[in-house]
Structures are given as structure tokens and as C-alpha cells.
Amino acid sequence: MSDAVVNLRTTALNATHRTHKAKMVDFGGWDMPVEYSGLIAEHTAVRTAVGLFDVSHMGDIQLRGPGSLAAVQRLLMNDASKLQTGQAHYSAMLYENGTFVDDVVLHKLSDNDYLIVINAGTREKDVQWVRKQIGAMPGVHINDFSDYYTQLAIQGPKAEATLQKLTTTDLSVIKNYWFAWGQVCGCHNVMIARTGYTGEDGFEIYIPSDEPTSSRVWGEVLDAGAEFGIIPCGLGARNTLRLESAMALYGHEISDTINVFEANLGRYCKMDKGTDFVGRDALSEIEFTGGPKRKLVGLEMIDRGIGRDGYPVFTVGGEKIGEITSGSPAPFLKKNIALAYVPTQYAVVDEILAVEIRGALVKAKVVPTPFYKKPKKPPTV
């Protein structure tokens, strides 16, 4: 019998994580593994080889029917009309004032069928928001499939070699942010998406959420990746990996108090896509009045010290100007890094600022983001 904390939600792999001595924590109401062998080892494995994550706590909303594209275009800020079947892109649901309900990945399953992958901690809120915004639109059916799948993320430069052992689908032809349907570990009609949240190459696969199947596939992936040094990874490494890659996390870099332009995500917001979307008018007003007053920046600590989430940011003259949203040591880069919101006049590369750490102001420098970019693959001959 599982000793998972009462009232926390669990994935189908909960018993498997506990059997393998994962350190479990409350993550947004879910009993999830934060680490197995240690954050640094797991982080390094993903950067240099391959790691396996249980991300089944993520949610999935399907919009289906002849009105589904119109619904998606109303609901999300990116332009779904540009997607081809089998393609995905990053997007977001916004409030009327241009701040974030949630950031999402949208998959086009067919001309009348879309899957929105949402964050774990906002699942119920997101589903309610979708129903409120497009529930009355004609020709669209909304289905919450959040508990239908076990979602596994196989991430790292050896992810393709690992997963290819377990499927006859040619993974080499699946481009970044595309997906295919195939058989994986004997499971039929598995969505195999070349997506992830680590800044590395990798795949996310969607298999049936029953415990025996989930546990079996988890084990088979680990067996397939053994020759490459695969290890199971927890949410701790997932967080440091995404921070090195400057990927936004809801409740930190994006929230209902932060707008798209402040978060430097305007490139995903298609103001001119030809259809209205929730939040567009407010964002147009921000553009018209000169843009955002603050921006998200990358910080690298100059002096000794680690800028943690919530630490205040100052000018070198001692004026408080902002706050760190995410900060930690970067295990692969071997630097102390952070993301923070500061007024736009300070959001300049090489600007020297300071972070208050235990009552002392510690110097930091504004640097380009992402902090880490995966190496480009050499051209095939």
C-alpha cells in the first residue's frame, strides 16, 4: 500500500518511484519525485546523455469539431492556422488584461482536432477557463483528457537512440515540435512528440495511464537507455535544466500579474494573425503606450552568492528595483544564475546590479538568455 501523503494526487508511476527510493515532495498538490540519485547527477545526465522523467501530472485538453480552429484562435495567442497536422507550437492562454492564465503547447492532431498540454498546478483552473471562453462557440467539443495518459519525457542527446530501440517509427524524421503516432513498447497509437522542457533534444510519449503498463514502459525505457547511462530524473533537475535554458515557469516568470511583453514572449504572440484573441486589446494598448515598464532578464552572479527565488534586486546604488523569479546554481554551466524582473532601463546586457543575500548586496550582471543552448547537430553526409 502506498504511503503517499493523504489528499495528494498521484500518477500511475507513484509506486514505482517509491520502490526505487525517489525523494517525494508535494508539487502543486501532486506527490512527485524531486530527485532520485541527486540533482546534479540527474541534470548532468540529461545534458550529456539521457534522462527519464515522469511528467504525467501535466494536463491535456482536446478541442474537436469543425469549430475547433476558431476556438483555438480565440483562446490562444499564437497563430494555429499556420500549423500542419503533426506539428506543435508554444503558446499561452491570457486574461483580458494580457497576463497569463497558463502557457501551453498546442498539438494539431488533424484539421478539426487539437490537443492543448497544460501545466499541472493549473489544470482545473485552465479547464474551467477554456469552458468559460469557448463553451458556447458552435462546432467544438471540449474534452479533459488529463488523466487518460502517462506522459514520459526522454530527454538528452541520447534520447533518440534510446527510444528508437522501442519503436519501429523512424524518429530521425520527426522534427523539433512535431509528433508522430506509433507503437512504443507494445502500446499502440502512442503520440511521440519531439518536445520537452529541458533545453535538450528529446521526446515526450503519451501511453495508457494504467499502473501495470506505465510501470512496464518506464522499466523498458530505462533498460533501452542503459548503455548510454540513462537515469531516472526528478522535478528538481527538470527545474534547473529549464532555468539554464531560460524557459518560463508558471508562478515564477509568468503569472496573472505578468504580461506577455514583460515576459519577453512577444515572439509567440501573433497580434496580426487576423482573428481576435483574449488579451489582445490590452496588449495593443501596451504597445501603443510605449511597451512594458519592466522586463525579464538573465542574471549571472559576479560575487560569491546564490540568488534564490524571491530575493530582491537592487541597483548598485542601493535602490530596490525588482525581484528574482527563479535562481539557483547552474549545474552544467557551473555558475550561479537567476531570472528577474527589472525596469526596462536596467534590462540591458552587461548592466551591473545587486542581489540582496542574507542582508548583503551581492553584485550580479545582466547577461543574454538563454544561459545554455544545446549544441547544433553536425550535418548528415
Protein backbone atom coordinates (compact mmCIF):
# COMPACT_ATOMS: atom_id res chain seq x y z
CA MET A 1 0.00 0.00 0.00
CA SER A 2 1.41 3.39 -0.99
CA ASP A 3 2.49 5.73 1.78
CA ALA A 4 1.81 8.74 -0.43
CA VAL A 5 0.64 11.72 1.56
CA VAL A 6 -3.13 11.69 2.01
CA ASN A 7 -5.01 14.03 -0.36
CA LEU A 8 -2.08 14.46 -2.76
CA ARG A 9 -2.76 13.35 -6.31
CA THR A 10 -0.58 10.59 -7.73
CA THR A 11 0.48 9.42 -11.17
CA ALA A 12 0.32 5.79 -12.24
CA LEU A 13 4.07 5.58 -11.53
CA ASN A 14 3.86 6.63 -7.87
CA ALA A 15 4.56 3.15 -6.51
CA THR A 16 7.41 2.73 -8.99
CA HIS A 17 9.04 5.97 -7.82
CA ARG A 18 8.75 4.90 -4.20
CA THR A 19 10.08 1.41 -4.89
CA HIS A 20 13.17 2.99 -6.43
CA LYS A 21 13.67 5.27 -3.39
CA ALA A 22 12.86 8.57 -5.07
CA LYS A 23 12.61 11.56 -2.75
CA MET A 24 8.94 12.57 -2.98
CA VAL A 25 7.51 16.05 -2.45
CA ASP A 26 4.24 17.92 -2.72
CA PHE A 27 4.38 19.61 -6.13
CA GLY A 28 1.26 21.66 -6.82
CA GLY A 29 -0.89 19.12 -5.00
CA TRP A 30 0.84 16.11 -6.57
CA ASP A 31 3.05 13.55 -4.86
CA MET A 32 6.02 13.67 -7.24
CA PRO A 33 9.70 12.65 -7.29
CA VAL A 34 12.00 15.63 -6.79
CA GLU A 35 15.16 13.56 -7.17
CA TYR A 36 16.49 10.01 -7.40
CA SER A 37 20.29 9.83 -7.37
CA GLY A 38 20.79 13.55 -6.84
CA LEU A 39 20.01 16.75 -8.69
CA ILE A 40 23.50 17.34 -10.11
CA ALA A 41 23.86 13.77 -11.41
CA GLU A 42 20.42 13.87 -12.99
CA HIS A 43 20.95 17.30 -14.54
CA THR A 44 24.33 16.22 -15.96
CA ALA A 45 22.89 13.00 -17.38
CA VAL A 46 20.33 14.96 -19.39
CA ARG A 47 22.93 17.42 -20.70
CA THR A 48 25.45 14.72 -21.66
CA ALA A 49 23.46 11.51 -22.24
CA VAL A 50 19.80 10.85 -21.42
CA GLY A 51 17.35 11.07 -18.54
CA LEU A 52 13.80 9.83 -17.97
CA PHE A 53 11.07 11.91 -16.32
CA ASP A 54 7.51 11.17 -15.23
CA VAL A 55 5.52 14.24 -16.29
CA SER A 56 2.09 12.62 -16.10
CA HIS A 57 0.90 15.39 -13.78
CA MET A 58 0.60 17.66 -16.83
CA GLY A 59 -2.90 18.18 -18.19
CA ASP A 60 -4.40 17.63 -21.64
CA ILE A 61 -7.43 19.36 -23.15
CA GLN A 62 -8.79 18.25 -26.52
CA LEU A 63 -10.77 20.63 -28.75
CA ARG A 64 -12.50 18.73 -31.51
CA GLY A 65 -15.00 19.56 -34.24
CA PRO A 66 -15.45 21.93 -37.20
CA GLY A 67 -15.22 24.95 -34.89
CA SER A 68 -12.03 23.84 -33.16
CA LEU A 69 -9.62 26.08 -35.08
CA ALA A 70 -11.77 29.16 -34.41
CA ALA A 71 -11.88 28.18 -30.75
CA VAL A 72 -8.10 27.75 -30.54
CA GLN A 73 -7.54 31.07 -32.29
CA ARG A 74 -9.83 32.79 -29.80
CA LEU A 75 -8.27 31.06 -26.81
CA LEU A 76 -4.52 31.16 -27.55
CA MET A 77 -2.13 33.96 -28.55
CA ASN A 78 -0.11 32.11 -31.20
CA ASP A 79 -1.42 31.54 -34.75
CA ALA A 80 -2.72 27.99 -35.01
CA SER A 81 -3.72 28.48 -38.65
CA LYS A 82 -0.04 28.09 -39.54
CA LEU A 83 0.22 24.62 -38.00
CA GLN A 84 0.26 21.50 -40.14
CA THR A 85 -1.16 18.19 -38.98
CA GLY A 86 1.51 16.58 -36.83
CA GLN A 87 3.00 19.90 -35.75
CA ALA A 88 3.04 21.65 -32.36
CA HIS A 89 3.94 25.09 -31.06
CA TYR A 90 4.35 27.04 -27.84
CA SER A 91 1.51 29.40 -26.90
CA ALA A 92 -0.44 30.78 -23.95
CA MET A 93 -3.93 31.47 -22.67
CA LEU A 94 -4.28 35.05 -21.48
CA TYR A 95 -6.63 37.06 -19.31
CA GLU A 96 -8.31 40.14 -20.75
CA ASN A 97 -5.50 42.34 -19.37
CA GLY A 98 -2.82 40.38 -21.26
CA THR A 99 -1.46 38.45 -18.27
CA PHE A 100 -1.16 34.66 -18.14
CA VAL A 101 -3.81 32.07 -17.41
CA ASP A 102 -1.16 29.50 -18.39
CA ASP A 103 1.46 28.76 -21.01
CA VAL A 104 0.79 25.68 -23.13
CA VAL A 105 1.94 23.52 -26.00
CA LEU A 106 -0.64 23.09 -28.77
CA HIS A 107 -0.59 19.97 -30.97
CA LYS A 108 -2.57 19.82 -34.22
CA LEU A 109 -3.92 16.27 -34.42
CA SER A 110 -5.96 16.98 -37.57
CA ASP A 111 -7.82 19.86 -39.24
CA ASN A 112 -10.61 19.58 -36.66
CA ASP A 113 -8.73 18.19 -33.68
CA TYR A 114 -6.27 19.94 -31.32
CA LEU A 115 -4.61 18.93 -28.07
CA ILE A 116 -3.58 21.59 -25.53
CA VAL A 117 -0.98 20.45 -22.99
CA ILE A 118 -1.33 22.49 -19.80
CA ASN A 119 0.57 22.79 -16.52
CA ALA A 120 -0.08 20.52 -13.56
CA GLY A 121 -0.72 23.17 -10.92
CA THR A 122 -3.27 24.98 -13.08
CA ARG A 123 -5.21 22.02 -14.52
CA GLU A 124 -8.63 22.66 -13.00
CA LYS A 125 -8.37 26.43 -13.46
CA ASP A 126 -7.35 26.00 -17.10
CA VAL A 127 -10.18 23.61 -17.93
CA GLN A 128 -12.70 25.98 -16.37
CA TRP A 129 -11.19 28.89 -18.30
CA VAL A 130 -11.43 27.02 -21.60
CA ARG A 131 -15.06 26.10 -20.97
CA LYS A 132 -15.89 29.68 -19.99
CA GLN A 133 -14.24 31.25 -23.03
CA ILE A 134 -15.29 28.88 -25.81
CA GLY A 135 -18.00 26.67 -24.32
CA ALA A 136 -20.71 28.50 -26.25
CA MET A 137 -18.86 28.54 -29.58
CA PRO A 138 -20.51 26.33 -32.22
CA GLY A 139 -18.94 23.16 -33.57
CA VAL A 140 -16.38 22.49 -30.86
CA HIS A 141 -16.32 19.74 -28.24
CA ILE A 142 -14.12 20.15 -25.15
CA ASN A 143 -12.69 17.04 -23.52
CA ASP A 144 -10.46 16.93 -20.45
CA PHE A 145 -8.10 14.00 -21.09
CA SER A 146 -5.71 14.94 -18.28
CA ASP A 147 -5.99 11.57 -16.52
CA TYR A 148 -6.00 9.43 -19.68
CA TYR A 149 -2.26 9.39 -20.27
CA THR A 150 1.01 8.59 -18.57
CA GLN A 151 3.38 11.13 -20.08
CA LEU A 152 7.07 10.24 -20.10
CA ALA A 153 9.85 12.62 -21.12
CA ILE A 154 13.02 11.03 -22.53
CA GLN A 155 15.48 13.92 -22.71
CA GLY A 156 19.10 14.39 -23.75
CA PRO A 157 21.47 13.88 -26.70
CA LYS A 158 20.97 10.09 -26.48
CA ALA A 159 17.16 10.31 -26.23
CA GLU A 160 16.60 9.35 -29.87
CA ALA A 161 18.97 6.38 -29.69
CA THR A 162 17.23 5.18 -26.53
CA LEU A 163 13.65 5.48 -27.75
CA GLN A 164 14.42 4.15 -31.23
CA LYS A 165 15.06 0.73 -29.68
CA LEU A 166 11.44 0.62 -28.50
CA THR A 167 9.56 1.66 -31.66
CA THR A 168 9.53 0.99 -35.39
CA THR A 169 8.63 4.64 -36.03
CA ASP A 170 11.58 6.43 -37.63
CA LEU A 171 12.35 9.05 -35.00
CA SER A 172 15.01 10.75 -37.12
CA VAL A 173 12.36 12.26 -39.39
CA ILE A 174 10.38 13.82 -36.51
CA LYS A 175 11.49 17.45 -36.36
CA ASN A 176 11.55 19.61 -33.24
CA TYR A 177 7.98 20.44 -32.16
CA TRP A 178 6.48 17.81 -34.45
CA PHE A 179 4.99 14.46 -33.50
CA ALA A 180 4.05 11.10 -34.97
CA TRP A 181 1.81 8.20 -34.00
CA GLY A 182 3.40 4.82 -33.46
CA GLN A 183 3.81 1.73 -31.35
CA VAL A 184 6.07 2.03 -28.29
CA CYS A 185 6.81 -0.95 -26.04
CA GLY A 186 3.79 -2.76 -27.46
CA CYS A 187 1.43 0.16 -26.81
CA HIS A 188 -0.49 1.16 -29.95
CA ASN A 189 -1.40 4.68 -31.12
CA VAL A 190 1.20 6.37 -28.91
CA MET A 191 1.83 10.04 -29.60
CA ILE A 192 5.59 10.52 -29.90
CA ALA A 193 6.34 14.25 -29.69
CA ARG A 194 9.76 15.83 -30.12
CA THR A 195 9.17 18.26 -27.31
CA GLY A 196 10.46 18.84 -23.79
CA TYR A 197 11.23 21.28 -21.01
CA THR A 198 14.96 20.81 -20.58
CA GLY A 199 16.59 22.69 -23.45
CA GLU A 200 17.86 19.38 -24.86
CA ASP A 201 16.75 17.18 -27.70
CA GLY A 202 14.20 14.65 -26.59
CA PHE A 203 10.74 13.18 -26.78
CA GLU A 204 7.54 13.10 -24.78
CA ILE A 205 5.41 10.00 -25.22
CA TYR A 206 1.78 9.52 -24.24
CA ILE A 207 0.86 5.98 -23.16
CA PRO A 208 -2.16 4.49 -21.34
CA SER A 209 -2.29 5.62 -17.72
CA ASP A 210 -2.90 2.25 -16.06
CA GLU A 211 -0.27 1.31 -13.48
CA PRO A 212 0.97 -2.02 -14.98
CA THR A 213 1.51 -0.53 -18.45
CA SER A 214 3.11 2.63 -17.09
CA SER A 215 5.50 0.71 -14.84
CA ARG A 216 6.44 -1.71 -17.62
CA VAL A 217 7.18 1.02 -20.16
CA TRP A 218 9.16 3.00 -17.56
CA GLY A 219 11.33 -0.05 -16.97
CA GLU A 220 11.77 -0.80 -20.66
CA VAL A 221 12.90 2.76 -21.37
CA LEU A 222 15.48 2.50 -18.59
CA ASP A 223 16.69 -0.83 -19.97
CA ALA A 224 16.95 0.59 -23.50
CA GLY A 225 18.98 3.55 -22.32
CA ALA A 226 21.27 1.62 -20.00
CA GLU A 227 24.14 1.51 -22.50
CA PHE A 228 24.00 5.32 -22.72
CA GLY A 229 23.92 5.86 -18.96
CA ILE A 230 20.22 6.76 -18.63
CA ILE A 231 18.97 7.52 -15.13
CA PRO A 232 15.52 8.41 -13.78
CA CYS A 233 15.21 12.11 -13.03
CA GLY A 234 13.04 14.17 -10.73
CA LEU A 235 11.46 17.58 -10.88
CA GLY A 236 14.47 19.20 -9.22
CA ALA A 237 16.67 18.54 -12.25
CA ARG A 238 13.82 19.44 -14.56
CA ASN A 239 13.72 22.86 -12.89
CA THR A 240 17.47 23.54 -13.11
CA LEU A 241 17.53 22.33 -16.72
CA ARG A 242 14.70 24.65 -17.73
CA LEU A 243 16.33 27.53 -15.80
CA GLU A 244 19.64 27.12 -17.66
CA SER A 245 17.56 27.23 -20.84
CA ALA A 246 15.59 30.28 -19.57
CA MET A 247 12.22 28.57 -20.01
CA ALA A 248 9.35 30.21 -18.14
CA LEU A 249 7.67 28.52 -15.18
CA TYR A 250 4.12 29.41 -14.18
CA GLY A 251 4.03 31.17 -10.83
CA HIS A 252 7.56 32.44 -11.36
CA GLU A 253 8.32 34.04 -14.75
CA ILE A 254 4.68 34.08 -15.82
CA SER A 255 1.52 34.60 -13.77
CA ASP A 256 -1.73 36.56 -13.64
CA THR A 257 0.30 39.68 -12.73
CA ILE A 258 2.81 39.46 -15.62
CA ASN A 259 2.00 40.28 -19.24
CA VAL A 260 3.37 38.76 -22.42
CA PHE A 261 5.71 41.61 -23.33
CA GLU A 262 7.20 41.81 -19.83
CA ALA A 263 7.98 38.09 -20.05
CA ASN A 264 9.80 38.54 -23.40
CA LEU A 265 7.35 36.14 -25.05
CA GLY A 266 6.05 38.55 -27.66
CA ARG A 267 7.55 36.42 -30.46
CA TYR A 268 4.88 33.80 -29.72
CA CYS A 269 2.07 36.37 -29.60
CA LYS A 270 0.71 36.93 -33.11
CA MET A 271 -1.04 40.27 -32.84
CA ASP A 272 -1.64 40.30 -36.61
CA LYS A 273 -2.98 36.77 -37.06
CA GLY A 274 -6.28 38.09 -38.37
CA THR A 275 -8.51 36.86 -35.56
CA ASP A 276 -9.15 38.33 -32.14
CA PHE A 277 -7.93 36.52 -29.04
CA VAL A 278 -8.46 37.06 -25.33
CA GLY A 279 -5.99 39.68 -24.11
CA ARG A 280 -5.19 41.20 -27.50
CA ASP A 281 -6.78 44.61 -26.83
CA ALA A 282 -4.80 45.08 -23.62
CA LEU A 283 -1.56 44.09 -25.33
CA SER A 284 -2.30 46.51 -28.18
CA GLU A 285 -2.71 49.29 -25.61
CA ILE A 286 0.65 48.38 -24.04
CA GLU A 287 2.30 48.55 -27.46
CA PHE A 288 0.62 51.88 -28.21
CA THR A 289 1.72 53.45 -24.93
CA GLY A 290 5.40 52.59 -25.34
CA GLY A 291 5.75 48.99 -24.31
CA PRO A 292 6.26 47.29 -20.95
CA LYS A 293 7.73 49.17 -17.99
CA ARG A 294 9.69 46.14 -16.79
CA LYS A 295 11.28 43.11 -18.41
CA LEU A 296 12.56 39.69 -17.54
CA VAL A 297 16.36 39.47 -17.62
CA GLY A 298 19.02 36.87 -17.03
CA LEU A 299 21.45 37.48 -14.16
CA GLU A 300 24.83 35.90 -13.56
CA MET A 301 26.29 36.37 -10.11
CA ILE A 302 29.64 38.16 -10.16
CA ASP A 303 30.43 37.92 -6.48
CA ARG A 304 30.04 34.81 -4.39
CA GLY A 305 26.44 34.04 -3.57
CA ILE A 306 23.30 32.35 -4.89
CA GLY A 307 20.31 34.48 -5.80
CA ARG A 308 17.24 32.45 -4.86
CA ASP A 309 13.58 32.78 -5.84
CA GLY A 310 12.08 35.89 -4.26
CA TYR A 311 15.34 37.66 -3.40
CA PRO A 312 15.18 41.43 -4.04
CA VAL A 313 17.24 43.06 -6.80
CA PHE A 314 18.86 46.48 -6.37
CA THR A 315 20.85 49.00 -8.36
CA VAL A 316 24.50 49.25 -7.34
CA GLY A 317 23.41 52.47 -5.62
CA GLY A 318 21.10 50.54 -3.30
CA GLU A 319 17.66 51.26 -4.87
CA LYS A 320 15.35 48.27 -4.88
CA ILE A 321 14.12 47.72 -8.44
CA GLY A 322 12.93 44.15 -8.75
CA GLU A 323 12.87 40.55 -7.60
CA ILE A 324 14.29 37.22 -8.66
CA THR A 325 11.68 34.86 -10.07
CA SER A 326 13.94 31.79 -10.33
CA GLY A 327 17.52 31.37 -9.19
CA SER A 328 19.98 28.60 -8.38
CA PRO A 329 23.40 27.22 -9.21
CA ALA A 330 23.55 26.04 -12.84
CA PRO A 331 24.98 22.51 -12.55
CA PHE A 332 26.22 22.20 -16.14
CA LEU A 333 27.43 25.78 -16.57
CA LYS A 334 28.93 25.86 -13.07
CA LYS A 335 27.70 29.40 -12.46
CA ASN A 336 25.08 30.96 -10.20
CA ILE A 337 22.26 32.26 -12.37
CA ALA A 338 18.81 33.78 -11.99
CA LEU A 339 15.88 35.28 -13.85
CA ALA A 340 14.45 38.55 -12.54
CA TYR A 341 12.08 41.37 -13.44
CA VAL A 342 13.65 44.83 -13.53
CA PRO A 343 12.61 48.20 -15.05
CA THR A 344 13.31 48.31 -18.78
CA GLN A 345 16.09 50.90 -18.38
CA TYR A 346 18.10 48.30 -16.44
CA ALA A 347 17.28 45.40 -18.80
CA VAL A 348 20.50 45.90 -20.73
CA VAL A 349 23.19 43.26 -21.25
CA ASP A 350 26.25 43.89 -19.03
CA GLU A 351 24.29 46.18 -16.67
CA ILE A 352 25.65 45.69 -13.15
CA LEU A 353 23.00 45.16 -10.48
CA ALA A 354 22.95 43.64 -6.99
CA VAL A 355 21.00 40.91 -5.23
CA GLU A 356 20.33 41.00 -1.51
CA ILE A 357 21.61 37.76 0.02
CA ARG A 358 21.45 37.41 3.82
CA GLY A 359 21.37 41.17 4.25
CA ALA A 360 24.30 41.92 1.95
CA LEU A 361 24.21 43.29 -1.60
CA VAL A 362 26.00 40.87 -3.93
CA LYS A 363 26.90 42.02 -7.44
CA ALA A 364 25.29 40.44 -10.50
CA LYS A 365 25.44 41.15 -14.21
CA VAL A 366 22.64 41.16 -16.81
CA VAL A 367 23.51 38.52 -19.42
CA PRO A 368 21.85 37.23 -22.61
CA THR A 369 19.37 34.39 -22.33
CA PRO A 370 19.10 31.50 -22.64
CA PHE A 371 22.10 30.84 -20.43
CA TYR A 372 22.56 27.47 -22.19
CA LYS A 373 21.91 26.40 -25.79
CA LYS A 374 22.24 22.79 -26.85
CA PRO A 375 24.98 22.13 -29.42
CA LYS A 376 23.87 22.01 -33.03
CA LYS A 377 23.84 18.60 -34.63
CA PRO A 378 26.54 18.12 -37.27
CA PRO A 379 25.12 17.93 -40.81
CA THR A 380 24.45 14.44 -42.11
CA VAL A 381 26.62 13.37 -45.05
